[in-house]
Amino acid sequence: EFISKYSPYQNVSPDRTYPPVLITTSTR
């Protein structure tokens, strides 16, 4: 109930204007 309110993946919206984001990670 409280996690769902902020979990980014579940809260992506097409209706808000997001700033550009660079996402980086590592396969390993």
mmCIF file of all heavy atoms, coordinates in Angstrom:
data_MODEL
# 
_entry.id   MODEL 
# 
loop_
_atom_site.group_PDB 
_atom_site.id 
_atom_site.type_symbol 
_atom_site.label_atom_id 
_atom_site.label_alt_id 
_atom_site.label_comp_id 
_atom_site.label_asym_id 
_atom_site.label_entity_id 
_atom_site.label_seq_id 
_atom_site.pdbx_PDB_ins_code 
_atom_site.Cartn_x 
_atom_site.Cartn_y 
_atom_site.Cartn_z 
_atom_site.occupancy 
_atom_site.B_iso_or_equiv 
_atom_site.pdbx_formal_charge 
_atom_site.auth_seq_id 
_atom_site.auth_comp_id 
_atom_site.auth_asym_id 
_atom_site.auth_atom_id 
_atom_site.pdbx_PDB_model_num 
ATOM 1   N N   . GLU A 1 1  ? 0.824  -1.201  0.000   1.00 0.00 ? 1  GLU A N   1 
ATOM 2   C CA  . GLU A 1 1  ? 0.000  0.000   0.000   1.00 0.00 ? 1  GLU A CA  1 
ATOM 3   C C   . GLU A 1 1  ? 0.865  1.260   0.000   1.00 0.00 ? 1  GLU A C   1 
ATOM 4   O O   . GLU A 1 1  ? 0.601  2.209   -0.742  1.00 0.00 ? 1  GLU A O   1 
ATOM 5   C CB  . GLU A 1 1  ? -0.929 0.005   1.217   1.00 0.00 ? 1  GLU A CB  1 
ATOM 6   C CG  . GLU A 1 1  ? -1.777 1.251   1.387   1.00 0.00 ? 1  GLU A CG  1 
ATOM 7   C CD  . GLU A 1 1  ? -2.781 1.459   0.259   1.00 0.00 ? 1  GLU A CD  1 
ATOM 8   O OE1 . GLU A 1 1  ? -3.161 0.471   -0.401  1.00 0.00 ? 1  GLU A OE1 1 
ATOM 9   O OE2 . GLU A 1 1  ? -3.192 2.622   0.031   1.00 0.00 ? 1  GLU A OE2 1 
ATOM 10  N N   . PHE A 1 2  ? 1.934  1.297   0.832   1.00 0.00 ? 2  PHE A N   1 
ATOM 11  C CA  . PHE A 1 2  ? 2.779  2.498   0.825   1.00 0.00 ? 2  PHE A CA  1 
ATOM 12  C C   . PHE A 1 2  ? 3.891  2.417   -0.224  1.00 0.00 ? 2  PHE A C   1 
ATOM 13  O O   . PHE A 1 2  ? 4.300  3.438   -0.766  1.00 0.00 ? 2  PHE A O   1 
ATOM 14  C CB  . PHE A 1 2  ? 3.339  2.812   2.222   1.00 0.00 ? 2  PHE A CB  1 
ATOM 15  C CG  . PHE A 1 2  ? 4.180  1.729   2.866   1.00 0.00 ? 2  PHE A CG  1 
ATOM 16  C CD1 . PHE A 1 2  ? 5.493  1.510   2.482   1.00 0.00 ? 2  PHE A CD1 1 
ATOM 17  C CD2 . PHE A 1 2  ? 3.660  0.961   3.900   1.00 0.00 ? 2  PHE A CD2 1 
ATOM 18  C CE1 . PHE A 1 2  ? 6.267  0.539   3.094   1.00 0.00 ? 2  PHE A CE1 1 
ATOM 19  C CE2 . PHE A 1 2  ? 4.429  -0.017  4.526   1.00 0.00 ? 2  PHE A CE2 1 
ATOM 20  C CZ  . PHE A 1 2  ? 5.735  -0.231  4.120   1.00 0.00 ? 2  PHE A CZ  1 
ATOM 21  N N   . ILE A 1 3  ? 4.363  1.206   -0.540  1.00 0.00 ? 3  ILE A N   1 
ATOM 22  C CA  . ILE A 1 3  ? 5.398  1.089   -1.573  1.00 0.00 ? 3  ILE A CA  1 
ATOM 23  C C   . ILE A 1 3  ? 4.850  1.489   -2.940  1.00 0.00 ? 3  ILE A C   1 
ATOM 24  O O   . ILE A 1 3  ? 5.522  2.161   -3.730  1.00 0.00 ? 3  ILE A O   1 
ATOM 25  C CB  . ILE A 1 3  ? 5.950  -0.349  -1.631  1.00 0.00 ? 3  ILE A CB  1 
ATOM 26  C CG1 . ILE A 1 3  ? 6.657  -0.712  -0.328  1.00 0.00 ? 3  ILE A CG1 1 
ATOM 27  C CG2 . ILE A 1 3  ? 6.924  -0.515  -2.801  1.00 0.00 ? 3  ILE A CG2 1 
ATOM 28  C CD1 . ILE A 1 3  ? 7.038  -2.177  -0.228  1.00 0.00 ? 3  ILE A CD1 1 
ATOM 29  N N   . SER A 1 4  ? 3.622  1.075   -3.217  1.00 0.00 ? 4  SER A N   1 
ATOM 30  C CA  . SER A 1 4  ? 3.029  1.316   -4.538  1.00 0.00 ? 4  SER A CA  1 
ATOM 31  C C   . SER A 1 4  ? 2.873  2.800   -4.844  1.00 0.00 ? 4  SER A C   1 
ATOM 32  O O   . SER A 1 4  ? 2.827  3.193   -6.009  1.00 0.00 ? 4  SER A O   1 
ATOM 33  C CB  . SER A 1 4  ? 1.662  0.631   -4.640  1.00 0.00 ? 4  SER A CB  1 
ATOM 34  O OG  . SER A 1 4  ? 0.736  1.200   -3.714  1.00 0.00 ? 4  SER A OG  1 
ATOM 35  N N   . LYS A 1 5  ? 2.797  3.612   -3.805  1.00 0.00 ? 5  LYS A N   1 
ATOM 36  C CA  . LYS A 1 5  ? 2.604  5.041   -4.022  1.00 0.00 ? 5  LYS A CA  1 
ATOM 37  C C   . LYS A 1 5  ? 3.844  5.707   -4.621  1.00 0.00 ? 5  LYS A C   1 
ATOM 38  O O   . LYS A 1 5  ? 3.748  6.755   -5.254  1.00 0.00 ? 5  LYS A O   1 
ATOM 39  C CB  . LYS A 1 5  ? 2.214  5.726   -2.710  1.00 0.00 ? 5  LYS A CB  1 
ATOM 40  C CG  . LYS A 1 5  ? 0.804  5.400   -2.234  1.00 0.00 ? 5  LYS A CG  1 
ATOM 41  C CD  . LYS A 1 5  ? 0.483  6.129   -0.943  1.00 0.00 ? 5  LYS A CD  1 
ATOM 42  C CE  . LYS A 1 5  ? -0.998 6.024   -0.590  1.00 0.00 ? 5  LYS A CE  1 
ATOM 43  N NZ  . LYS A 1 5  ? -1.455 4.630   -0.446  1.00 0.00 ? 5  LYS A NZ  1 
ATOM 44  N N   . TYR A 1 6  ? 5.047  5.092   -4.389  1.00 0.00 ? 6  TYR A N   1 
ATOM 45  C CA  . TYR A 1 6  ? 6.251  5.747   -4.898  1.00 0.00 ? 6  TYR A CA  1 
ATOM 46  C C   . TYR A 1 6  ? 7.038  4.901   -5.894  1.00 0.00 ? 6  TYR A C   1 
ATOM 47  O O   . TYR A 1 6  ? 7.951  5.420   -6.536  1.00 0.00 ? 6  TYR A O   1 
ATOM 48  C CB  . TYR A 1 6  ? 7.164  6.163   -3.742  1.00 0.00 ? 6  TYR A CB  1 
ATOM 49  C CG  . TYR A 1 6  ? 7.873  5.027   -3.038  1.00 0.00 ? 6  TYR A CG  1 
ATOM 50  C CD1 . TYR A 1 6  ? 8.993  4.413   -3.595  1.00 0.00 ? 6  TYR A CD1 1 
ATOM 51  C CD2 . TYR A 1 6  ? 7.444  4.584   -1.786  1.00 0.00 ? 6  TYR A CD2 1 
ATOM 52  C CE1 . TYR A 1 6  ? 9.658  3.378   -2.942  1.00 0.00 ? 6  TYR A CE1 1 
ATOM 53  C CE2 . TYR A 1 6  ? 8.101  3.554   -1.122  1.00 0.00 ? 6  TYR A CE2 1 
ATOM 54  C CZ  . TYR A 1 6  ? 9.202  2.957   -1.706  1.00 0.00 ? 6  TYR A CZ  1 
ATOM 55  O OH  . TYR A 1 6  ? 9.852  1.940   -1.063  1.00 0.00 ? 6  TYR A OH  1 
ATOM 56  N N   . SER A 1 7  ? 6.742  3.614   -6.022  1.00 0.00 ? 7  SER A N   1 
ATOM 57  C CA  . SER A 1 7  ? 7.535  2.759   -6.900  1.00 0.00 ? 7  SER A CA  1 
ATOM 58  C C   . SER A 1 7  ? 7.575  3.343   -8.313  1.00 0.00 ? 7  SER A C   1 
ATOM 59  O O   . SER A 1 7  ? 6.551  3.418   -8.994  1.00 0.00 ? 7  SER A O   1 
ATOM 60  C CB  . SER A 1 7  ? 6.943  1.348   -6.947  1.00 0.00 ? 7  SER A CB  1 
ATOM 61  O OG  . SER A 1 7  ? 7.710  0.527   -7.813  1.00 0.00 ? 7  SER A OG  1 
ATOM 62  N N   . PRO A 1 8  ? 8.741  3.774   -8.785  1.00 0.00 ? 8  PRO A N   1 
ATOM 63  C CA  . PRO A 1 8  ? 8.800  4.512   -10.061 1.00 0.00 ? 8  PRO A CA  1 
ATOM 64  C C   . PRO A 1 8  ? 8.247  3.729   -11.251 1.00 0.00 ? 8  PRO A C   1 
ATOM 65  O O   . PRO A 1 8  ? 7.514  4.296   -12.076 1.00 0.00 ? 8  PRO A O   1 
ATOM 66  C CB  . PRO A 1 8  ? 10.296 4.802   -10.229 1.00 0.00 ? 8  PRO A CB  1 
ATOM 67  C CG  . PRO A 1 8  ? 10.824 4.832   -8.838  1.00 0.00 ? 8  PRO A CG  1 
ATOM 68  C CD  . PRO A 1 8  ? 10.056 3.770   -8.111  1.00 0.00 ? 8  PRO A CD  1 
ATOM 69  N N   . TYR A 1 9  ? 8.580  2.449   -11.347 1.00 0.00 ? 9  TYR A N   1 
ATOM 70  C CA  . TYR A 1 9  ? 8.177  1.664   -12.515 1.00 0.00 ? 9  TYR A CA  1 
ATOM 71  C C   . TYR A 1 9  ? 6.665  1.589   -12.639 1.00 0.00 ? 9  TYR A C   1 
ATOM 72  O O   . TYR A 1 9  ? 6.121  1.605   -13.756 1.00 0.00 ? 9  TYR A O   1 
ATOM 73  C CB  . TYR A 1 9  ? 8.787  0.262   -12.417 1.00 0.00 ? 9  TYR A CB  1 
ATOM 74  C CG  . TYR A 1 9  ? 8.522  -0.638  -13.592 1.00 0.00 ? 9  TYR A CG  1 
ATOM 75  C CD1 . TYR A 1 9  ? 8.871  -0.271  -14.887 1.00 0.00 ? 9  TYR A CD1 1 
ATOM 76  C CD2 . TYR A 1 9  ? 7.938  -1.902  -13.397 1.00 0.00 ? 9  TYR A CD2 1 
ATOM 77  C CE1 . TYR A 1 9  ? 8.636  -1.118  -15.955 1.00 0.00 ? 9  TYR A CE1 1 
ATOM 78  C CE2 . TYR A 1 9  ? 7.711  -2.752  -14.462 1.00 0.00 ? 9  TYR A CE2 1 
ATOM 79  C CZ  . TYR A 1 9  ? 8.052  -2.356  -15.739 1.00 0.00 ? 9  TYR A CZ  1 
ATOM 80  O OH  . TYR A 1 9  ? 7.826  -3.209  -16.799 1.00 0.00 ? 9  TYR A OH  1 
ATOM 81  N N   . GLN A 1 10 ? 5.982  1.491   -11.518 1.00 0.00 ? 10 GLN A N   1 
ATOM 82  C CA  . GLN A 1 10 ? 4.522  1.399   -11.542 1.00 0.00 ? 10 GLN A CA  1 
ATOM 83  C C   . GLN A 1 10 ? 3.846  2.764   -11.664 1.00 0.00 ? 10 GLN A C   1 
ATOM 84  O O   . GLN A 1 10 ? 2.622  2.830   -11.794 1.00 0.00 ? 10 GLN A O   1 
ATOM 85  C CB  . GLN A 1 10 ? 4.009  0.684   -10.277 1.00 0.00 ? 10 GLN A CB  1 
ATOM 86  C CG  . GLN A 1 10 ? 4.119  -0.830  -10.319 1.00 0.00 ? 10 GLN A CG  1 
ATOM 87  C CD  . GLN A 1 10 ? 5.532  -1.322  -10.124 1.00 0.00 ? 10 GLN A CD  1 
ATOM 88  O OE1 . GLN A 1 10 ? 6.325  -0.674  -9.462  1.00 0.00 ? 10 GLN A OE1 1 
ATOM 89  N NE2 . GLN A 1 10 ? 5.862  -2.480  -10.697 1.00 0.00 ? 10 GLN A NE2 1 
ATOM 90  N N   . ASN A 1 11 ? 4.619  3.841   -11.601 1.00 0.00 ? 11 ASN A N   1 
ATOM 91  C CA  . ASN A 1 11 ? 4.016  5.170   -11.614 1.00 0.00 ? 11 ASN A CA  1 
ATOM 92  C C   . ASN A 1 11 ? 4.435  6.019   -12.817 1.00 0.00 ? 11 ASN A C   1 
ATOM 93  O O   . ASN A 1 11 ? 4.263  7.243   -12.798 1.00 0.00 ? 11 ASN A O   1 
ATOM 94  C CB  . ASN A 1 11 ? 4.366  5.904   -10.311 1.00 0.00 ? 11 ASN A CB  1 
ATOM 95  C CG  . ASN A 1 11 ? 3.514  5.435   -9.148  1.00 0.00 ? 11 ASN A CG  1 
ATOM 96  O OD1 . ASN A 1 11 ? 2.354  5.801   -9.018  1.00 0.00 ? 11 ASN A OD1 1 
ATOM 97  N ND2 . ASN A 1 11 ? 4.096  4.587   -8.295  1.00 0.00 ? 11 ASN A ND2 1 
ATOM 98  N N   . VAL A 1 12 ? 4.959  5.375   -13.855 1.00 0.00 ? 12 VAL A N   1 
ATOM 99  C CA  . VAL A 1 12 ? 5.270  6.104   -15.086 1.00 0.00 ? 12 VAL A CA  1 
ATOM 100 C C   . VAL A 1 12 ? 3.965  6.581   -15.722 1.00 0.00 ? 12 VAL A C   1 
ATOM 101 O O   . VAL A 1 12 ? 2.998  5.814   -15.844 1.00 0.00 ? 12 VAL A O   1 
ATOM 102 C CB  . VAL A 1 12 ? 6.045  5.211   -16.066 1.00 0.00 ? 12 VAL A CB  1 
ATOM 103 C CG1 . VAL A 1 12 ? 6.180  5.892   -17.428 1.00 0.00 ? 12 VAL A CG1 1 
ATOM 104 C CG2 . VAL A 1 12 ? 7.425  4.871   -15.500 1.00 0.00 ? 12 VAL A CG2 1 
ATOM 105 N N   . SER A 1 13 ? 3.943  7.836   -16.112 1.00 0.00 ? 13 SER A N   1 
ATOM 106 C CA  . SER A 1 13 ? 2.725  8.423   -16.672 1.00 0.00 ? 13 SER A CA  1 
ATOM 107 C C   . SER A 1 13 ? 3.000  9.058   -18.029 1.00 0.00 ? 13 SER A C   1 
ATOM 108 O O   . SER A 1 13 ? 4.011  9.741   -18.203 1.00 0.00 ? 13 SER A O   1 
ATOM 109 C CB  . SER A 1 13 ? 2.170  9.492   -15.723 1.00 0.00 ? 13 SER A CB  1 
ATOM 110 O OG  . SER A 1 13 ? 1.133  10.228  -16.344 1.00 0.00 ? 13 SER A OG  1 
ATOM 111 N N   . PRO A 1 14 ? 2.097  8.861   -18.983 1.00 0.00 ? 14 PRO A N   1 
ATOM 112 C CA  . PRO A 1 14 ? 2.237  9.559   -20.268 1.00 0.00 ? 14 PRO A CA  1 
ATOM 113 C C   . PRO A 1 14 ? 1.652  10.965  -20.224 1.00 0.00 ? 14 PRO A C   1 
ATOM 114 O O   . PRO A 1 14 ? 1.787  11.727  -21.193 1.00 0.00 ? 14 PRO A O   1 
ATOM 115 C CB  . PRO A 1 14 ? 1.438  8.671   -21.224 1.00 0.00 ? 14 PRO A CB  1 
ATOM 116 C CG  . PRO A 1 14 ? 0.364  8.074   -20.358 1.00 0.00 ? 14 PRO A CG  1 
ATOM 117 C CD  . PRO A 1 14 ? 0.975  7.893   -18.992 1.00 0.00 ? 14 PRO A CD  1 
ATOM 118 N N   . ASP A 1 15 ? 1.025  11.317  -19.104 1.00 0.00 ? 15 ASP A N   1 
ATOM 119 C CA  . ASP A 1 15 ? 0.257  12.554  -19.044 1.00 0.00 ? 15 ASP A CA  1 
ATOM 120 C C   . ASP A 1 15 ? 0.999  13.703  -18.374 1.00 0.00 ? 15 ASP A C   1 
ATOM 121 O O   . ASP A 1 15 ? 0.501  14.823  -18.349 1.00 0.00 ? 15 ASP A O   1 
ATOM 122 C CB  . ASP A 1 15 ? -1.058 12.313  -18.294 1.00 0.00 ? 15 ASP A CB  1 
ATOM 123 C CG  . ASP A 1 15 ? -1.906 11.244  -18.966 1.00 0.00 ? 15 ASP A CG  1 
ATOM 124 O OD1 . ASP A 1 15 ? -1.924 11.207  -20.207 1.00 0.00 ? 15 ASP A OD1 1 
ATOM 125 O OD2 . ASP A 1 15 ? -2.528 10.436  -18.247 1.00 0.00 ? 15 ASP A OD2 1 
ATOM 126 N N   . ARG A 1 16 ? 2.188  13.426  -17.776 1.00 0.00 ? 16 ARG A N   1 
ATOM 127 C CA  . ARG A 1 16 ? 2.968  14.478  -17.139 1.00 0.00 ? 16 ARG A CA  1 
ATOM 128 C C   . ARG A 1 16 ? 4.218  14.755  -17.984 1.00 0.00 ? 16 ARG A C   1 
ATOM 129 O O   . ARG A 1 16 ? 4.678  13.895  -18.732 1.00 0.00 ? 16 ARG A O   1 
ATOM 130 C CB  . ARG A 1 16 ? 3.381  14.091  -15.720 1.00 0.00 ? 16 ARG A CB  1 
ATOM 131 C CG  . ARG A 1 16 ? 2.198  13.801  -14.812 1.00 0.00 ? 16 ARG A CG  1 
ATOM 132 C CD  . ARG A 1 16 ? 2.650  13.579  -13.377 1.00 0.00 ? 16 ARG A CD  1 
ATOM 133 N NE  . ARG A 1 16 ? 3.125  14.817  -12.760 1.00 0.00 ? 16 ARG A NE  1 
ATOM 134 C CZ  . ARG A 1 16 ? 3.547  14.895  -11.500 1.00 0.00 ? 16 ARG A CZ  1 
ATOM 135 N NH1 . ARG A 1 16 ? 3.593  13.795  -10.743 1.00 0.00 ? 16 ARG A NH1 1 
ATOM 136 N NH2 . ARG A 1 16 ? 3.956  16.055  -10.987 1.00 0.00 ? 16 ARG A NH2 1 
ATOM 137 N N   . THR A 1 17 ? 4.747  15.949  -17.861 1.00 0.00 ? 17 THR A N   1 
ATOM 138 C CA  . THR A 1 17 ? 5.954  16.317  -18.590 1.00 0.00 ? 17 THR A CA  1 
ATOM 139 C C   . THR A 1 17 ? 7.165  15.980  -17.734 1.00 0.00 ? 17 THR A C   1 
ATOM 140 O O   . THR A 1 17 ? 7.362  16.569  -16.667 1.00 0.00 ? 17 THR A O   1 
ATOM 141 C CB  . THR A 1 17 ? 5.948  17.818  -18.927 1.00 0.00 ? 17 THR A CB  1 
ATOM 142 O OG1 . THR A 1 17 ? 4.794  18.112  -19.722 1.00 0.00 ? 17 THR A OG1 1 
ATOM 143 C CG2 . THR A 1 17 ? 7.215  18.196  -19.683 1.00 0.00 ? 17 THR A CG2 1 
ATOM 144 N N   . TYR A 1 18 ? 7.963  15.024  -18.200 1.00 0.00 ? 18 TYR A N   1 
ATOM 145 C CA  . TYR A 1 18 ? 9.156  14.608  -17.469 1.00 0.00 ? 18 TYR A CA  1 
ATOM 146 C C   . TYR A 1 18 ? 10.387 15.313  -18.029 1.00 0.00 ? 18 TYR A C   1 
ATOM 147 O O   . TYR A 1 18 ? 10.472 15.556  -19.248 1.00 0.00 ? 18 TYR A O   1 
ATOM 148 C CB  . TYR A 1 18 ? 9.382  13.099  -17.598 1.00 0.00 ? 18 TYR A CB  1 
ATOM 149 C CG  . TYR A 1 18 ? 8.405  12.224  -16.867 1.00 0.00 ? 18 TYR A CG  1 
ATOM 150 C CD1 . TYR A 1 18 ? 8.456  10.846  -17.016 1.00 0.00 ? 18 TYR A CD1 1 
ATOM 151 C CD2 . TYR A 1 18 ? 7.432  12.744  -16.008 1.00 0.00 ? 18 TYR A CD2 1 
ATOM 152 C CE1 . TYR A 1 18 ? 7.578  10.003  -16.350 1.00 0.00 ? 18 TYR A CE1 1 
ATOM 153 C CE2 . TYR A 1 18 ? 6.539  11.924  -15.340 1.00 0.00 ? 18 TYR A CE2 1 
ATOM 154 C CZ  . TYR A 1 18 ? 6.606  10.547  -15.514 1.00 0.00 ? 18 TYR A CZ  1 
ATOM 155 O OH  . TYR A 1 18 ? 5.733  9.726   -14.861 1.00 0.00 ? 18 TYR A OH  1 
ATOM 156 N N   . PRO A 1 19 ? 11.361 15.598  -17.176 1.00 0.00 ? 19 PRO A N   1 
ATOM 157 C CA  . PRO A 1 19 ? 12.635 16.106  -17.695 1.00 0.00 ? 19 PRO A CA  1 
ATOM 158 C C   . PRO A 1 19 ? 13.410 14.983  -18.368 1.00 0.00 ? 19 PRO A C   1 
ATOM 159 O O   . PRO A 1 19 ? 13.165 13.797  -18.095 1.00 0.00 ? 19 PRO A O   1 
ATOM 160 C CB  . PRO A 1 19 ? 13.356 16.582  -16.432 1.00 0.00 ? 19 PRO A CB  1 
ATOM 161 C CG  . PRO A 1 19 ? 12.828 15.694  -15.349 1.00 0.00 ? 19 PRO A CG  1 
ATOM 162 C CD  . PRO A 1 19 ? 11.381 15.459  -15.707 1.00 0.00 ? 19 PRO A CD  1 
ATOM 163 N N   . PRO A 1 20 ? 14.356 15.280  -19.240 1.00 0.00 ? 20 PRO A N   1 
ATOM 164 C CA  . PRO A 1 20 ? 15.198 14.232  -19.824 1.00 0.00 ? 20 PRO A CA  1 
ATOM 165 C C   . PRO A 1 20 ? 15.932 13.465  -18.720 1.00 0.00 ? 20 PRO A C   1 
ATOM 166 O O   . PRO A 1 20 ? 16.389 14.056  -17.736 1.00 0.00 ? 20 PRO A O   1 
ATOM 167 C CB  . PRO A 1 20 ? 16.179 15.003  -20.711 1.00 0.00 ? 20 PRO A CB  1 
ATOM 168 C CG  . PRO A 1 20 ? 15.499 16.304  -20.978 1.00 0.00 ? 20 PRO A CG  1 
ATOM 169 C CD  . PRO A 1 20 ? 14.693 16.620  -19.761 1.00 0.00 ? 20 PRO A CD  1 
ATOM 170 N N   . VAL A 1 21 ? 16.052 12.161  -18.905 1.00 0.00 ? 21 VAL A N   1 
ATOM 171 C CA  . VAL A 1 21 ? 16.729 11.327  -17.919 1.00 0.00 ? 21 VAL A CA  1 
ATOM 172 C C   . VAL A 1 21 ? 17.711 10.409  -18.630 1.00 0.00 ? 21 VAL A C   1 
ATOM 173 O O   . VAL A 1 21 ? 17.426 9.879   -19.707 1.00 0.00 ? 21 VAL A O   1 
ATOM 174 C CB  . VAL A 1 21 ? 15.723 10.514  -17.079 1.00 0.00 ? 21 VAL A CB  1 
ATOM 175 C CG1 . VAL A 1 21 ? 14.863 9.604   -17.945 1.00 0.00 ? 21 VAL A CG1 1 
ATOM 176 C CG2 . VAL A 1 21 ? 16.442 9.696   -16.005 1.00 0.00 ? 21 VAL A CG2 1 
ATOM 177 N N   . LEU A 1 22 ? 18.901 10.254  -18.035 1.00 0.00 ? 22 LEU A N   1 
ATOM 178 C CA  . LEU A 1 22 ? 19.882 9.272   -18.482 1.00 0.00 ? 22 LEU A CA  1 
ATOM 179 C C   . LEU A 1 22 ? 19.904 8.155   -17.449 1.00 0.00 ? 22 LEU A C   1 
ATOM 180 O O   . LEU A 1 22 ? 20.178 8.397   -16.270 1.00 0.00 ? 22 LEU A O   1 
ATOM 181 C CB  . LEU A 1 22 ? 21.274 9.900   -18.610 1.00 0.00 ? 22 LEU A CB  1 
ATOM 182 C CG  . LEU A 1 22 ? 22.430 8.926   -18.874 1.00 0.00 ? 22 LEU A CG  1 
ATOM 183 C CD1 . LEU A 1 22 ? 22.274 8.237   -20.226 1.00 0.00 ? 22 LEU A CD1 1 
ATOM 184 C CD2 . LEU A 1 22 ? 23.780 9.649   -18.781 1.00 0.00 ? 22 LEU A CD2 1 
ATOM 185 N N   . ILE A 1 23 ? 19.627 6.928   -17.891 1.00 0.00 ? 23 ILE A N   1 
ATOM 186 C CA  . ILE A 1 23 ? 19.639 5.765   -17.010 1.00 0.00 ? 23 ILE A CA  1 
ATOM 187 C C   . ILE A 1 23 ? 20.836 4.895   -17.374 1.00 0.00 ? 23 ILE A C   1 
ATOM 188 O O   . ILE A 1 23 ? 20.997 4.522   -18.540 1.00 0.00 ? 23 ILE A O   1 
ATOM 189 C CB  . ILE A 1 23 ? 18.326 4.965   -17.131 1.00 0.00 ? 23 ILE A CB  1 
ATOM 190 C CG1 . ILE A 1 23 ? 17.138 5.843   -16.706 1.00 0.00 ? 23 ILE A CG1 1 
ATOM 191 C CG2 . ILE A 1 23 ? 18.378 3.699   -16.294 1.00 0.00 ? 23 ILE A CG2 1 
ATOM 192 C CD1 . ILE A 1 23 ? 15.778 5.147   -16.820 1.00 0.00 ? 23 ILE A CD1 1 
ATOM 193 N N   . THR A 1 24 ? 21.662 4.583   -16.389 1.00 0.00 ? 24 THR A N   1 
ATOM 194 C CA  . THR A 1 24 ? 22.845 3.751   -16.636 1.00 0.00 ? 24 THR A CA  1 
ATOM 195 C C   . THR A 1 24 ? 22.840 2.564   -15.686 1.00 0.00 ? 24 THR A C   1 
ATOM 196 O O   . THR A 1 24 ? 22.353 2.647   -14.560 1.00 0.00 ? 24 THR A O   1 
ATOM 197 C CB  . THR A 1 24 ? 24.154 4.537   -16.435 1.00 0.00 ? 24 THR A CB  1 
ATOM 198 O OG1 . THR A 1 24 ? 24.391 4.748   -15.035 1.00 0.00 ? 24 THR A OG1 1 
ATOM 199 C CG2 . THR A 1 24 ? 24.116 5.871   -17.151 1.00 0.00 ? 24 THR A CG2 1 
ATOM 200 N N   . THR A 1 25 ? 23.418 1.452   -16.154 1.00 0.00 ? 25 THR A N   1 
ATOM 201 C CA  . THR A 1 25 ? 23.535 0.265   -15.309 1.00 0.00 ? 25 THR A CA  1 
ATOM 202 C C   . THR A 1 25 ? 24.672 -0.597  -15.843 1.00 0.00 ? 25 THR A C   1 
ATOM 203 O O   . THR A 1 25 ? 25.420 -0.191  -16.735 1.00 0.00 ? 25 THR A O   1 
ATOM 204 C CB  . THR A 1 25 ? 22.214 -0.518  -15.261 1.00 0.00 ? 25 THR A CB  1 
ATOM 205 O OG1 . THR A 1 25 ? 22.303 -1.532  -14.253 1.00 0.00 ? 25 THR A OG1 1 
ATOM 206 C CG2 . THR A 1 25 ? 21.889 -1.159  -16.596 1.00 0.00 ? 25 THR A CG2 1 
ATOM 207 N N   . SER A 1 26 ? 24.815 -1.799  -15.260 1.00 0.00 ? 26 SER A N   1 
ATOM 208 C CA  . SER A 1 26 ? 25.857 -2.733  -15.666 1.00 0.00 ? 26 SER A CA  1 
ATOM 209 C C   . SER A 1 26 ? 25.273 -4.128  -15.787 1.00 0.00 ? 26 SER A C   1 
ATOM 210 O O   . SER A 1 26 ? 24.525 -4.569  -14.899 1.00 0.00 ? 26 SER A O   1 
ATOM 211 C CB  . SER A 1 26 ? 26.993 -2.735  -14.633 1.00 0.00 ? 26 SER A CB  1 
ATOM 212 O OG  . SER A 1 26 ? 27.812 -3.869  -14.794 1.00 0.00 ? 26 SER A OG  1 
ATOM 213 N N   . THR A 1 27 ? 25.606 -4.813  -16.858 1.00 0.00 ? 27 THR A N   1 
ATOM 214 C CA  . THR A 1 27 ? 25.153 -6.198  -17.032 1.00 0.00 ? 27 THR A CA  1 
ATOM 215 C C   . THR A 1 27 ? 25.660 -7.078  -15.906 1.00 0.00 ? 27 THR A C   1 
ATOM 216 O O   . THR A 1 27 ? 24.976 -8.022  -15.481 1.00 0.00 ? 27 THR A O   1 
ATOM 217 C CB  . THR A 1 27 ? 25.644 -6.752  -18.382 1.00 0.00 ? 27 THR A CB  1 
ATOM 218 O OG1 . THR A 1 27 ? 25.352 -5.807  -19.415 1.00 0.00 ? 27 THR A OG1 1 
ATOM 219 C CG2 . THR A 1 27 ? 24.996 -8.086  -18.705 1.00 0.00 ? 27 THR A CG2 1 
ATOM 220 N N   . ARG A 1 28 ? 26.870 -6.784  -15.401 1.00 0.00 ? 28 ARG A N   1 
ATOM 221 C CA  . ARG A 1 28 ? 27.501 -7.616  -14.376 1.00 0.00 ? 28 ARG A CA  1 
ATOM 222 C C   . ARG A 1 28 ? 27.156 -7.180  -12.959 1.00 0.00 ? 28 ARG A C   1 
ATOM 223 O O   . ARG A 1 28 ? 27.758 -7.663  -12.004 1.00 0.00 ? 28 ARG A O   1 
ATOM 224 C CB  . ARG A 1 28 ? 29.017 -7.598  -14.557 1.00 0.00 ? 28 ARG A CB  1 
ATOM 225 C CG  . ARG A 1 28 ? 29.514 -8.333  -15.772 1.00 0.00 ? 28 ARG A CG  1 
ATOM 226 C CD  . ARG A 1 28 ? 29.304 -9.839  -15.641 1.00 0.00 ? 28 ARG A CD  1 
ATOM 227 N NE  . ARG A 1 28 ? 30.116 -10.407 -14.557 1.00 0.00 ? 28 ARG A NE  1 
ATOM 228 C CZ  . ARG A 1 28 ? 29.978 -11.640 -14.092 1.00 0.00 ? 28 ARG A CZ  1 
ATOM 229 N NH1 . ARG A 1 28 ? 29.049 -12.426 -14.592 1.00 0.00 ? 28 ARG A NH1 1 
ATOM 230 N NH2 . ARG A 1 28 ? 30.752 -12.084 -13.129 1.00 0.00 ? 28 ARG A NH2 1 
# 
